[in-house]
Amino acid sequence: MFAIIDDSLYIAPANCEWSHRDWLMAEKVIPVKNNPELLGLTRGFADQTGLYFYEGDFALTERAEREVMGHLNELALFLGVTKELHLFGGELKGKIGEHWLGIKDYGSLKDILSK
């Protein structure tokens, strides 16, 4: 799990089971539980299906895209993901507990990083 705040990359501890909000509050990066600023942050996660990022309510925005692309090498390194994983922007909301699909597939990290 990760967040990008003021062009700084934050990586959650491995196997962190908290929400982004709880993690960022515990790290004292955001001050209060209902901080509306959280909705304006670029955040995401990696799993065996891909590296996902979004802003706000799982939206794909130009700002989030720009921030993730600017930190993509660091993200891949710090999250320990394989370069074969695909990068997905935004998420189509589904049922809680099910895998949500990415809105945009940018291709594999290997292909993106070699451009």
PDB file of N, CA and C in Angstrom:
ATOM      1  N   MET A   1       0.851  -1.163   0.000  1.00  0.00           N
ATOM      2  CA  MET A   1       0.000   0.000   0.000  1.00  0.00           C
ATOM      3  C   MET A   1       0.898   1.227   0.000  1.00  0.00           C
ATOM      4  N   PHE A   2       0.461   2.254  -0.715  1.00  0.00           N
ATOM      5  CA  PHE A   2       1.271   3.462  -0.801  1.00  0.00           C
ATOM      6  C   PHE A   2       0.384   4.692  -0.912  1.00  0.00           C
ATOM      7  N   ALA A   3       1.006   5.847  -0.676  1.00  0.00           N
ATOM      8  CA  ALA A   3       0.351   7.136  -0.878  1.00  0.00           C
ATOM      9  C   ALA A   3       1.424   8.111  -1.345  1.00  0.00           C
ATOM     10  N   ILE A   4       1.009   9.084  -2.136  1.00  0.00           N
ATOM     11  CA  ILE A   4       1.905  10.157  -2.572  1.00  0.00           C
ATOM     12  C   ILE A   4       1.295  11.455  -2.069  1.00  0.00           C
ATOM     13  N   ILE A   5       2.041  12.147  -1.217  1.00  0.00           N
ATOM     14  CA  ILE A   5       1.559  13.376  -0.598  1.00  0.00           C
ATOM     15  C   ILE A   5       2.621  14.444  -0.793  1.00  0.00           C
ATOM     16  N   ASP A   6       2.246  15.556  -1.409  1.00  0.00           N
ATOM     17  CA  ASP A   6       3.191  16.648  -1.683  1.00  0.00           C
ATOM     18  C   ASP A   6       4.454  16.128  -2.350  1.00  0.00           C
ATOM     19  N   ASP A   7       4.281  15.258  -3.338  1.00  0.00           N
ATOM     20  CA  ASP A   7       5.343  14.651  -4.126  1.00  0.00           C
ATOM     21  C   ASP A   7       6.289  13.777  -3.300  1.00  0.00           C
ATOM     22  N   SER A   8       5.869  13.383  -2.100  1.00  0.00           N
ATOM     23  CA  SER A   8       6.645  12.447  -1.291  1.00  0.00           C
ATOM     24  C   SER A   8       5.929  11.107  -1.292  1.00  0.00           C
ATOM     25  N   LEU A   9       6.697  10.038  -1.467  1.00  0.00           N
ATOM     26  CA  LEU A   9       6.154   8.696  -1.520  1.00  0.00           C
ATOM     27  C   LEU A   9       6.186   8.065  -0.127  1.00  0.00           C
ATOM     28  N   TYR A  10       5.054   7.529   0.288  1.00  0.00           N
ATOM     29  CA  TYR A  10       4.934   6.824   1.567  1.00  0.00           C
ATOM     30  C   TYR A  10       4.557   5.382   1.263  1.00  0.00           C
ATOM     31  N   ILE A  11       5.279   4.453   1.850  1.00  0.00           N
ATOM     32  CA  ILE A  11       5.030   3.024   1.661  1.00  0.00           C
ATOM     33  C   ILE A  11       4.640   2.429   3.014  1.00  0.00           C
ATOM     34  N   ALA A  12       3.520   1.726   3.060  1.00  0.00           N
ATOM     35  CA  ALA A  12       3.070   1.085   4.301  1.00  0.00           C
ATOM     36  C   ALA A  12       3.963  -0.116   4.608  1.00  0.00           C
ATOM     37  N   PRO A  13       4.040  -0.495   5.874  1.00  0.00           N
ATOM     38  CA  PRO A  13       4.786  -1.707   6.222  1.00  0.00           C
ATOM     39  C   PRO A  13       4.204  -2.921   5.494  1.00  0.00           C
ATOM     40  N   ALA A  14       5.043  -3.891   5.209  1.00  0.00           N
ATOM     41  CA  ALA A  14       4.592  -5.113   4.530  1.00  0.00           C
ATOM     42  C   ALA A  14       3.467  -5.761   5.329  1.00  0.00           C
ATOM     43  N   ASN A  15       2.497  -6.285   4.623  1.00  0.00           N
ATOM     44  CA  ASN A  15       1.346  -6.984   5.216  1.00  0.00           C
ATOM     45  C   ASN A  15       0.489  -6.113   6.121  1.00  0.00           C
ATOM     46  N   CYS A  16       0.525  -4.802   5.931  1.00  0.00           N
ATOM     47  CA  CYS A  16      -0.318  -3.886   6.697  1.00  0.00           C
ATOM     48  C   CYS A  16      -1.774  -4.150   6.321  1.00  0.00           C
ATOM     49  N   GLU A  17      -2.609  -4.391   7.304  1.00  0.00           N
ATOM     50  CA  GLU A  17      -4.014  -4.702   7.042  1.00  0.00           C
ATOM     51  C   GLU A  17      -4.934  -3.518   7.302  1.00  0.00           C
ATOM     52  N   TRP A  18      -4.366  -2.369   7.598  1.00  0.00           N
ATOM     53  CA  TRP A  18      -5.157  -1.174   7.845  1.00  0.00           C
ATOM     54  C   TRP A  18      -5.628  -0.559   6.528  1.00  0.00           C
ATOM     55  N   SER A  19      -6.586   0.331   6.630  1.00  0.00           N
ATOM     56  CA  SER A  19      -6.980   1.141   5.477  1.00  0.00           C
ATOM     57  C   SER A  19      -5.904   2.207   5.273  1.00  0.00           C
ATOM     58  N   HIS A  20      -5.934   2.852   4.109  1.00  0.00           N
ATOM     59  CA  HIS A  20      -5.001   3.957   3.884  1.00  0.00           C
ATOM     60  C   HIS A  20      -5.166   5.006   4.983  1.00  0.00           C
ATOM     61  N   ARG A  21      -6.407   5.347   5.307  1.00  0.00           N
ATOM     62  CA  ARG A  21      -6.679   6.374   6.324  1.00  0.00           C
ATOM     63  C   ARG A  21      -6.051   5.990   7.667  1.00  0.00           C
ATOM     64  N   ASP A  22      -6.302   4.762   8.137  1.00  0.00           N
ATOM     65  CA  ASP A  22      -5.771   4.348   9.436  1.00  0.00           C
ATOM     66  C   ASP A  22      -4.244   4.317   9.435  1.00  0.00           C
ATOM     67  N   TRP A  23      -3.673   3.817   8.352  1.00  0.00           N
ATOM     68  CA  TRP A  23      -2.216   3.776   8.240  1.00  0.00           C
ATOM     69  C   TRP A  23      -1.618   5.179   8.264  1.00  0.00           C
ATOM     70  N   LEU A  24      -2.163   6.095   7.460  1.00  0.00           N
ATOM     71  CA  LEU A  24      -1.620   7.450   7.388  1.00  0.00           C
ATOM     72  C   LEU A  24      -1.837   8.217   8.691  1.00  0.00           C
ATOM     73  N   MET A  25      -2.935   7.929   9.394  1.00  0.00           N
ATOM     74  CA  MET A  25      -3.147   8.545  10.709  1.00  0.00           C
ATOM     75  C   MET A  25      -2.130   8.006  11.717  1.00  0.00           C
ATOM     76  N   ALA A  26      -1.882   6.702  11.693  1.00  0.00           N
ATOM     77  CA  ALA A  26      -0.913   6.099  12.617  1.00  0.00           C
ATOM     78  C   ALA A  26       0.487   6.655  12.386  1.00  0.00           C
ATOM     79  N   GLU A  27       0.809   6.922  11.132  1.00  0.00           N
ATOM     80  CA  GLU A  27       2.112   7.492  10.786  1.00  0.00           C
ATOM     81  C   GLU A  27       2.151   9.009  11.000  1.00  0.00           C
ATOM     82  N   LYS A  28       0.995   9.579  11.403  1.00  0.00           N
ATOM     83  CA  LYS A  28       0.849  11.019  11.634  1.00  0.00           C
ATOM     84  C   LYS A  28       1.096  11.839  10.372  1.00  0.00           C
ATOM     85  N   VAL A  29       0.736  11.248   9.227  1.00  0.00           N
ATOM     86  CA  VAL A  29       0.854  11.952   7.954  1.00  0.00           C
ATOM     87  C   VAL A  29      -0.406  12.789   7.716  1.00  0.00           C
ATOM     88  N   ILE A  30      -1.554  12.254   8.123  1.00  0.00           N
ATOM     89  CA  ILE A  30      -2.790  13.027   8.104  1.00  0.00           C
ATOM     90  C   ILE A  30      -3.291  13.109   9.541  1.00  0.00           C
ATOM     91  N   PRO A  31      -3.851  14.253   9.938  1.00  0.00           N
ATOM     92  CA  PRO A  31      -4.125  14.473  11.351  1.00  0.00           C
ATOM     93  C   PRO A  31      -5.401  13.861  11.930  1.00  0.00           C
ATOM     94  N   VAL A  32      -6.493  13.831  11.198  1.00  0.00           N
ATOM     95  CA  VAL A  32      -7.752  13.385  11.805  1.00  0.00           C
ATOM     96  C   VAL A  32      -8.472  12.408  10.906  1.00  0.00           C
ATOM     97  N   LYS A  33      -9.299  11.555  11.504  1.00  0.00           N
ATOM     98  CA  LYS A  33      -9.954  10.474  10.781  1.00  0.00           C
ATOM     99  C   LYS A  33     -10.800  10.951   9.603  1.00  0.00           C
ATOM    100  N   ASN A  34     -11.513  12.030   9.750  1.00  0.00           N
ATOM    101  CA  ASN A  34     -12.402  12.485   8.682  1.00  0.00           C
ATOM    102  C   ASN A  34     -11.772  13.566   7.813  1.00  0.00           C
ATOM    103  N   ASN A  35     -10.475  13.568   7.745  1.00  0.00           N
ATOM    104  CA  ASN A  35      -9.750  14.558   6.963  1.00  0.00           C
ATOM    105  C   ASN A  35     -10.142  14.443   5.493  1.00  0.00           C
ATOM    106  N   PRO A  36     -10.782  15.482   4.943  1.00  0.00           N
ATOM    107  CA  PRO A  36     -11.185  15.420   3.534  1.00  0.00           C
ATOM    108  C   PRO A  36     -10.002  15.383   2.582  1.00  0.00           C
ATOM    109  N   GLU A  37      -8.825  15.750   3.082  1.00  0.00           N
ATOM    110  CA  GLU A  37      -7.617  15.732   2.260  1.00  0.00           C
ATOM    111  C   GLU A  37      -7.324  14.333   1.730  1.00  0.00           C
ATOM    112  N   LEU A  38      -7.725  13.297   2.456  1.00  0.00           N
ATOM    113  CA  LEU A  38      -7.473  11.930   2.026  1.00  0.00           C
ATOM    114  C   LEU A  38      -8.073  11.669   0.649  1.00  0.00           C
ATOM    115  N   LEU A  39      -9.222  12.247   0.379  1.00  0.00           N
ATOM    116  CA  LEU A  39      -9.865  12.020  -0.908  1.00  0.00           C
ATOM    117  C   LEU A  39      -9.079  12.642  -2.055  1.00  0.00           C
ATOM    118  N   GLY A  40      -8.241  13.617  -1.780  1.00  0.00           N
ATOM    119  CA  GLY A  40      -7.450  14.256  -2.821  1.00  0.00           C
ATOM    120  C   GLY A  40      -6.051  13.688  -2.959  1.00  0.00           C
ATOM    121  N   LEU A  41      -5.766  12.594  -2.265  1.00  0.00           N
ATOM    122  CA  LEU A  41      -4.426  12.002  -2.313  1.00  0.00           C
ATOM    123  C   LEU A  41      -4.358  10.886  -3.339  1.00  0.00           C
ATOM    124  N   THR A  42      -3.199  10.762  -3.958  1.00  0.00           N
ATOM    125  CA  THR A  42      -2.939   9.611  -4.812  1.00  0.00           C
ATOM    126  C   THR A  42      -2.520   8.473  -3.900  1.00  0.00           C
ATOM    127  N   ARG A  43      -3.190   7.355  -4.048  1.00  0.00           N
ATOM    128  CA  ARG A  43      -2.850   6.199  -3.231  1.00  0.00           C
ATOM    129  C   ARG A  43      -3.111   4.931  -4.013  1.00  0.00           C
ATOM    130  N   GLY A  44      -2.648   3.809  -3.489  1.00  0.00           N
ATOM    131  CA  GLY A  44      -2.851   2.564  -4.201  1.00  0.00           C
ATOM    132  C   GLY A  44      -2.210   1.402  -3.485  1.00  0.00           C
ATOM    133  N   PHE A  45      -2.089   0.306  -4.208  1.00  0.00           N
ATOM    134  CA  PHE A  45      -1.568  -0.922  -3.625  1.00  0.00           C
ATOM    135  C   PHE A  45      -1.094  -1.836  -4.742  1.00  0.00           C
ATOM    136  N   ALA A  46      -0.389  -2.873  -4.361  1.00  0.00           N
ATOM    137  CA  ALA A  46       0.028  -3.912  -5.303  1.00  0.00           C
ATOM    138  C   ALA A  46      -0.410  -5.255  -4.744  1.00  0.00           C
ATOM    139  N   ASP A  47      -0.833  -6.124  -5.626  1.00  0.00           N
ATOM    140  CA  ASP A  47      -1.104  -7.512  -5.257  1.00  0.00           C
ATOM    141  C   ASP A  47      -0.659  -8.382  -6.425  1.00  0.00           C
ATOM    142  N   GLN A  48      -1.003  -9.645  -6.394  1.00  0.00           N
ATOM    143  CA  GLN A  48      -0.540 -10.556  -7.442  1.00  0.00           C
ATOM    144  C   GLN A  48      -1.148 -10.248  -8.804  1.00  0.00           C
ATOM    145  N   THR A  49      -2.207  -9.433  -8.860  1.00  0.00           N
ATOM    146  CA  THR A  49      -2.853  -9.129 -10.134  1.00  0.00           C
ATOM    147  C   THR A  49      -2.365  -7.842 -10.772  1.00  0.00           C
ATOM    148  N   GLY A  50      -1.684  -6.979 -10.009  1.00  0.00           N
ATOM    149  CA  GLY A  50      -1.204  -5.741 -10.590  1.00  0.00           C
ATOM    150  C   GLY A  50      -0.852  -4.690  -9.554  1.00  0.00           C
ATOM    151  N   LEU A  51      -0.425  -3.549 -10.050  1.00  0.00           N
ATOM    152  CA  LEU A  51      -0.147  -2.369  -9.240  1.00  0.00           C
ATOM    153  C   LEU A  51      -1.256  -1.375  -9.583  1.00  0.00           C
ATOM    154  N   TYR A  52      -2.010  -0.980  -8.582  1.00  0.00           N
ATOM    155  CA  TYR A  52      -3.195  -0.142  -8.774  1.00  0.00           C
ATOM    156  C   TYR A  52      -3.002   1.211  -8.107  1.00  0.00           C
ATOM    157  N   PHE A  53      -3.491   2.263  -8.753  1.00  0.00           N
ATOM    158  CA  PHE A  53      -3.475   3.589  -8.140  1.00  0.00           C
ATOM    159  C   PHE A  53      -4.776   4.299  -8.463  1.00  0.00           C
ATOM    160  N   TYR A  54      -5.090   5.285  -7.626  1.00  0.00           N
ATOM    161  CA  TYR A  54      -6.326   6.044  -7.798  1.00  0.00           C
ATOM    162  C   TYR A  54      -6.264   7.279  -6.920  1.00  0.00           C
ATOM    163  N   GLU A  55      -7.242   8.126  -7.118  1.00  0.00           N
ATOM    164  CA  GLU A  55      -7.400   9.311  -6.284  1.00  0.00           C
ATOM    165  C   GLU A  55      -8.835   9.338  -5.798  1.00  0.00           C
ATOM    166  N   GLY A  56      -9.037   9.895  -4.623  1.00  0.00           N
ATOM    167  CA  GLY A  56     -10.391  10.063  -4.109  1.00  0.00           C
ATOM    168  C   GLY A  56     -11.160   8.767  -4.030  1.00  0.00           C
ATOM    169  N   ASP A  57     -12.319   8.758  -4.660  1.00  0.00           N
ATOM    170  CA  ASP A  57     -13.220   7.609  -4.605  1.00  0.00           C
ATOM    171  C   ASP A  57     -12.874   6.623  -5.721  1.00  0.00           C
ATOM    172  N   PHE A  58     -11.598   6.219  -5.774  1.00  0.00           N
ATOM    173  CA  PHE A  58     -11.073   5.238  -6.730  1.00  0.00           C
ATOM    174  C   PHE A  58     -11.074   5.757  -8.175  1.00  0.00           C
ATOM    175  N   ALA A  59     -10.960   7.076  -8.330  1.00  0.00           N
ATOM    176  CA  ALA A  59     -11.003   7.704  -9.650  1.00  0.00           C
ATOM    177  C   ALA A  59      -9.625   7.714 -10.310  1.00  0.00           C
ATOM    178  N   LEU A  60      -9.628   7.708 -11.619  1.00  0.00           N
ATOM    179  CA  LEU A  60      -8.417   7.884 -12.414  1.00  0.00           C
ATOM    180  C   LEU A  60      -8.353   9.364 -12.779  1.00  0.00           C
ATOM    181  N   THR A  61      -7.328  10.053 -12.314  1.00  0.00           N
ATOM    182  CA  THR A  61      -7.164  11.469 -12.607  1.00  0.00           C
ATOM    183  C   THR A  61      -5.801  11.712 -13.245  1.00  0.00           C
ATOM    184  N   GLU A  62      -5.701  12.811 -13.957  1.00  0.00           N
ATOM    185  CA  GLU A  62      -4.415  13.166 -14.578  1.00  0.00           C
ATOM    186  C   GLU A  62      -3.350  13.406 -13.516  1.00  0.00           C
ATOM    187  N   ARG A  63      -3.725  14.032 -12.415  1.00  0.00           N
ATOM    188  CA  ARG A  63      -2.763  14.313 -11.356  1.00  0.00           C
ATOM    189  C   ARG A  63      -2.231  13.014 -10.753  1.00  0.00           C
ATOM    190  N   ALA A  64      -3.129  12.076 -10.451  1.00  0.00           N
ATOM    191  CA  ALA A  64      -2.692  10.800  -9.887  1.00  0.00           C
ATOM    192  C   ALA A  64      -1.787  10.061 -10.873  1.00  0.00           C
ATOM    193  N   GLU A  65      -2.165  10.076 -12.134  1.00  0.00           N
ATOM    194  CA  GLU A  65      -1.357   9.426 -13.166  1.00  0.00           C
ATOM    195  C   GLU A  65       0.041  10.035 -13.227  1.00  0.00           C
ATOM    196  N   ARG A  66       0.111  11.350 -13.218  1.00  0.00           N
ATOM    197  CA  ARG A  66       1.390  12.058 -13.285  1.00  0.00           C
ATOM    198  C   ARG A  66       2.251  11.731 -12.050  1.00  0.00           C
ATOM    199  N   GLU A  67       1.628  11.709 -10.873  1.00  0.00           N
ATOM    200  CA  GLU A  67       2.386  11.424  -9.656  1.00  0.00           C
ATOM    201  C   GLU A  67       2.913   9.990  -9.642  1.00  0.00           C
ATOM    202  N   VAL A  68       2.088   9.042 -10.026  1.00  0.00           N
ATOM    203  CA  VAL A  68       2.527   7.645 -10.027  1.00  0.00           C
ATOM    204  C   VAL A  68       3.631   7.431 -11.050  1.00  0.00           C
ATOM    205  N   MET A  69       3.475   7.986 -12.236  1.00  0.00           N
ATOM    206  CA  MET A  69       4.517   7.814 -13.259  1.00  0.00           C
ATOM    207  C   MET A  69       5.836   8.418 -12.790  1.00  0.00           C
ATOM    208  N   GLY A  70       5.772   9.505 -12.029  1.00  0.00           N
ATOM    209  CA  GLY A  70       6.975  10.141 -11.503  1.00  0.00           C
ATOM    210  C   GLY A  70       7.673   9.322 -10.425  1.00  0.00           C
ATOM    211  N   HIS A  71       6.940   8.406  -9.800  1.00  0.00           N
ATOM    212  CA  HIS A  71       7.499   7.584  -8.713  1.00  0.00           C
ATOM    213  C   HIS A  71       7.495   6.095  -9.049  1.00  0.00           C
ATOM    214  N   LEU A  72       7.259   5.739 -10.303  1.00  0.00           N
ATOM    215  CA  LEU A  72       7.059   4.337 -10.653  1.00  0.00           C
ATOM    216  C   LEU A  72       8.269   3.454 -10.352  1.00  0.00           C
ATOM    217  N   ASN A  73       9.464   3.911 -10.641  1.00  0.00           N
ATOM    218  CA  ASN A  73      10.657   3.118 -10.315  1.00  0.00           C
ATOM    219  C   ASN A  73      10.742   2.850  -8.816  1.00  0.00           C
ATOM    220  N   GLU A  74      10.544   3.902  -8.016  1.00  0.00           N
ATOM    221  CA  GLU A  74      10.575   3.755  -6.561  1.00  0.00           C
ATOM    222  C   GLU A  74       9.483   2.804  -6.080  1.00  0.00           C
ATOM    223  N   LEU A  75       8.286   2.956  -6.620  1.00  0.00           N
ATOM    224  CA  LEU A  75       7.170   2.092  -6.225  1.00  0.00           C
ATOM    225  C   LEU A  75       7.499   0.621  -6.472  1.00  0.00           C
ATOM    226  N   ALA A  76       7.973   0.334  -7.661  1.00  0.00           N
ATOM    227  CA  ALA A  76       8.306  -1.057  -7.997  1.00  0.00           C
ATOM    228  C   ALA A  76       9.378  -1.591  -7.053  1.00  0.00           C
ATOM    229  N   LEU A  77      10.377  -0.782  -6.761  1.00  0.00           N
ATOM    230  CA  LEU A  77      11.470  -1.196  -5.887  1.00  0.00           C
ATOM    231  C   LEU A  77      10.984  -1.394  -4.449  1.00  0.00           C
ATOM    232  N   PHE A  78      10.330  -0.382  -3.879  1.00  0.00           N
ATOM    233  CA  PHE A  78       9.934  -0.430  -2.474  1.00  0.00           C
ATOM    234  C   PHE A  78       8.801  -1.412  -2.204  1.00  0.00           C
ATOM    235  N   LEU A  79       7.930  -1.636  -3.189  1.00  0.00           N
ATOM    236  CA  LEU A  79       6.848  -2.600  -3.000  1.00  0.00           C
ATOM    237  C   LEU A  79       7.314  -4.020  -3.321  1.00  0.00           C
ATOM    238  N   GLY A  80       8.494  -4.130  -3.923  1.00  0.00           N
ATOM    239  CA  GLY A  80       9.055  -5.447  -4.221  1.00  0.00           C
ATOM    240  C   GLY A  80       8.245  -6.228  -5.235  1.00  0.00           C
ATOM    241  N   VAL A  81       7.722  -5.528  -6.237  1.00  0.00           N
ATOM    242  CA  VAL A  81       6.885  -6.196  -7.236  1.00  0.00           C
ATOM    243  C   VAL A  81       7.702  -6.586  -8.457  1.00  0.00           C
ATOM    244  N   THR A  82       7.227  -7.593  -9.154  1.00  0.00           N
ATOM    245  CA  THR A  82       7.864  -8.014 -10.393  1.00  0.00           C
ATOM    246  C   THR A  82       7.528  -7.022 -11.505  1.00  0.00           C
ATOM    247  N   LYS A  83       8.451  -6.849 -12.400  1.00  0.00           N
ATOM    248  CA  LYS A  83       8.244  -5.919 -13.516  1.00  0.00           C
ATOM    249  C   LYS A  83       7.246  -6.463 -14.540  1.00  0.00           C
ATOM    250  N   GLU A  84       6.820  -7.706 -14.355  1.00  0.00           N
ATOM    251  CA  GLU A  84       5.807  -8.297 -15.243  1.00  0.00           C
ATOM    252  C   GLU A  84       4.394  -7.841 -14.876  1.00  0.00           C
ATOM    253  N   LEU A  85       4.222  -7.322 -13.657  1.00  0.00           N
ATOM    254  CA  LEU A  85       2.900  -6.839 -13.234  1.00  0.00           C
ATOM    255  C   LEU A  85       2.444  -5.692 -14.116  1.00  0.00           C
ATOM    256  N   HIS A  86       1.151  -5.583 -14.294  1.00  0.00           N
ATOM    257  CA  HIS A  86       0.580  -4.467 -15.038  1.00  0.00           C
ATOM    258  C   HIS A  86       0.217  -3.341 -14.082  1.00  0.00           C
ATOM    259  N   LEU A  87       0.267  -2.129 -14.598  1.00  0.00           N
ATOM    260  CA  LEU A  87      -0.133  -0.935 -13.861  1.00  0.00           C
ATOM    261  C   LEU A  87      -1.559  -0.595 -14.264  1.00  0.00           C
ATOM    262  N   PHE A  88      -2.413  -0.383 -13.272  1.00  0.00           N
ATOM    263  CA  PHE A  88      -3.807  -0.033 -13.515  1.00  0.00           C
ATOM    264  C   PHE A  88      -4.137   1.271 -12.822  1.00  0.00           C
ATOM    265  N   GLY A  89      -4.819   2.161 -13.533  1.00  0.00           N
ATOM    266  CA  GLY A  89      -5.257   3.430 -12.963  1.00  0.00           C
ATOM    267  C   GLY A  89      -6.751   3.414 -12.709  1.00  0.00           C
ATOM    268  N   GLY A  90      -7.142   3.877 -11.535  1.00  0.00           N
ATOM    269  CA  GLY A  90      -8.545   3.895 -11.142  1.00  0.00           C
ATOM    270  C   GLY A  90      -9.052   2.485 -10.894  1.00  0.00           C
ATOM    271  N   GLU A  91     -10.217   2.413 -10.282  1.00  0.00           N
ATOM    272  CA  GLU A  91     -10.839   1.106 -10.063  1.00  0.00           C
ATOM    273  C   GLU A  91     -12.346   1.221 -10.249  1.00  0.00           C
ATOM    274  N   LEU A  92     -12.913   0.201 -10.879  1.00  0.00           N
ATOM    275  CA  LEU A  92     -14.360   0.098 -11.020  1.00  0.00           C
ATOM    276  C   LEU A  92     -14.888  -0.547  -9.748  1.00  0.00           C
ATOM    277  N   LYS A  93     -15.665   0.208  -8.984  1.00  0.00           N
ATOM    278  CA  LYS A  93     -16.143  -0.306  -7.700  1.00  0.00           C
ATOM    279  C   LYS A  93     -17.033  -1.520  -7.895  1.00  0.00           C
ATOM    280  N   GLY A  94     -16.781  -2.510  -7.070  1.00  0.00           N
ATOM    281  CA  GLY A  94     -17.575  -3.732  -7.060  1.00  0.00           C
ATOM    282  C   GLY A  94     -18.015  -4.039  -5.646  1.00  0.00           C
ATOM    283  N   LYS A  95     -18.252  -5.288  -5.398  1.00  0.00           N
ATOM    284  CA  LYS A  95     -18.675  -5.701  -4.070  1.00  0.00           C
ATOM    285  C   LYS A  95     -17.478  -5.758  -3.127  1.00  0.00           C
ATOM    286  N   ILE A  96     -17.690  -5.380  -1.885  1.00  0.00           N
ATOM    287  CA  ILE A  96     -16.644  -5.436  -0.875  1.00  0.00           C
ATOM    288  C   ILE A  96     -16.197  -6.886  -0.725  1.00  0.00           C
ATOM    289  N   GLY A  97     -14.885  -7.073  -0.718  1.00  0.00           N
ATOM    290  CA  GLY A  97     -14.318  -8.406  -0.587  1.00  0.00           C
ATOM    291  C   GLY A  97     -13.998  -9.055  -1.924  1.00  0.00           C
ATOM    292  N   GLU A  98     -14.510  -8.502  -3.015  1.00  0.00           N
ATOM    293  CA  GLU A  98     -14.200  -9.026  -4.346  1.00  0.00           C
ATOM    294  C   GLU A  98     -13.111  -8.175  -4.985  1.00  0.00           C
ATOM    295  N   HIS A  99     -12.463  -8.736  -5.990  1.00  0.00           N
ATOM    296  CA  HIS A  99     -11.428  -8.003  -6.729  1.00  0.00           C
ATOM    297  C   HIS A  99     -12.091  -6.978  -7.652  1.00  0.00           C
ATOM    298  N   TRP A 100     -11.683  -5.714  -7.529  1.00  0.00           N
ATOM    299  CA  TRP A 100     -12.219  -4.655  -8.388  1.00  0.00           C
ATOM    300  C   TRP A 100     -11.295  -4.488  -9.583  1.00  0.00           C
ATOM    301  N   LEU A 101     -11.849  -4.265 -10.744  1.00  0.00           N
ATOM    302  CA  LEU A 101     -11.067  -4.119 -11.974  1.00  0.00           C
ATOM    303  C   LEU A 101     -10.535  -2.697 -12.120  1.00  0.00           C
ATOM    304  N   GLY A 102      -9.352  -2.600 -12.724  1.00  0.00           N
ATOM    305  CA  GLY A 102      -8.786  -1.296 -13.028  1.00  0.00           C
ATOM    306  C   GLY A 102      -9.519  -0.648 -14.188  1.00  0.00           C
ATOM    307  N   ILE A 103      -9.568   0.668 -14.200  1.00  0.00           N
ATOM    308  CA  ILE A 103     -10.222   1.406 -15.281  1.00  0.00           C
ATOM    309  C   ILE A 103      -9.329   1.431 -16.515  1.00  0.00           C
ATOM    310  N   LYS A 104      -8.039   1.680 -16.313  1.00  0.00           N
ATOM    311  CA  LYS A 104      -7.098   1.771 -17.434  1.00  0.00           C
ATOM    312  C   LYS A 104      -5.905   0.867 -17.170  1.00  0.00           C
ATOM    313  N   ASP A 105      -5.547   0.061 -18.157  1.00  0.00           N
ATOM    314  CA  ASP A 105      -4.385  -0.824 -18.089  1.00  0.00           C
ATOM    315  C   ASP A 105      -3.260  -0.155 -18.883  1.00  0.00           C
ATOM    316  N   TYR A 106      -2.182   0.193 -18.213  1.00  0.00           N
ATOM    317  CA  TYR A 106      -1.046   0.865 -18.862  1.00  0.00           C
ATOM    318  C   TYR A 106      -0.047  -0.124 -19.436  1.00  0.00           C
ATOM    319  N   GLY A 107      -0.234  -1.397 -19.175  1.00  0.00           N
ATOM    320  CA  GLY A 107       0.710  -2.418 -19.611  1.00  0.00           C
ATOM    321  C   GLY A 107       1.627  -2.804 -18.473  1.00  0.00           C
ATOM    322  N   SER A 108       2.624  -3.635 -18.787  1.00  0.00           N
ATOM    323  CA  SER A 108       3.537  -4.129 -17.759  1.00  0.00           C
ATOM    324  C   SER A 108       4.485  -3.025 -17.297  1.00  0.00           C
ATOM    325  N   LEU A 109       4.925  -3.143 -16.055  1.00  0.00           N
ATOM    326  CA  LEU A 109       5.891  -2.174 -15.529  1.00  0.00           C
ATOM    327  C   LEU A 109       7.152  -2.186 -16.368  1.00  0.00           C
ATOM    328  N   LYS A 110       7.554  -3.367 -16.820  1.00  0.00           N
ATOM    329  CA  LYS A 110       8.763  -3.494 -17.653  1.00  0.00           C
ATOM    330  C   LYS A 110       8.629  -2.645 -18.910  1.00  0.00           C
ATOM    331  N   ASP A 111       7.479  -2.720 -19.593  1.00  0.00           N
ATOM    332  CA  ASP A 111       7.264  -1.953 -20.808  1.00  0.00           C
ATOM    333  C   ASP A 111       7.191  -0.446 -20.530  1.00  0.00           C
ATOM    334  N   ILE A 112       6.522  -0.070 -19.453  1.00  0.00           N
ATOM    335  CA  ILE A 112       6.372   1.352 -19.116  1.00  0.00           C
ATOM    336  C   ILE A 112       7.729   1.948 -18.752  1.00  0.00           C
ATOM    337  N   LEU A 113       8.486   1.235 -17.941  1.00  0.00           N
ATOM    338  CA  LEU A 113       9.769   1.763 -17.466  1.00  0.00           C
ATOM    339  C   LEU A 113      10.845   1.769 -18.532  1.00  0.00           C
ATOM    340  N   SER A 114      10.653   1.002 -19.613  1.00  0.00           N
ATOM    341  CA  SER A 114      11.663   0.976 -20.676  1.00  0.00           C
ATOM    342  C   SER A 114      11.446   2.093 -21.692  1.00  0.00           C
ATOM    343  N   LYS A 115      10.373   2.836 -21.586  1.00  0.00           N
ATOM    344  CA  LYS A 115      10.080   3.927 -22.550  1.00  0.00           C
ATOM    345  C   LYS A 115      10.888   5.142 -22.241  1.00  0.00           C
TER     346      LYS A 115
END
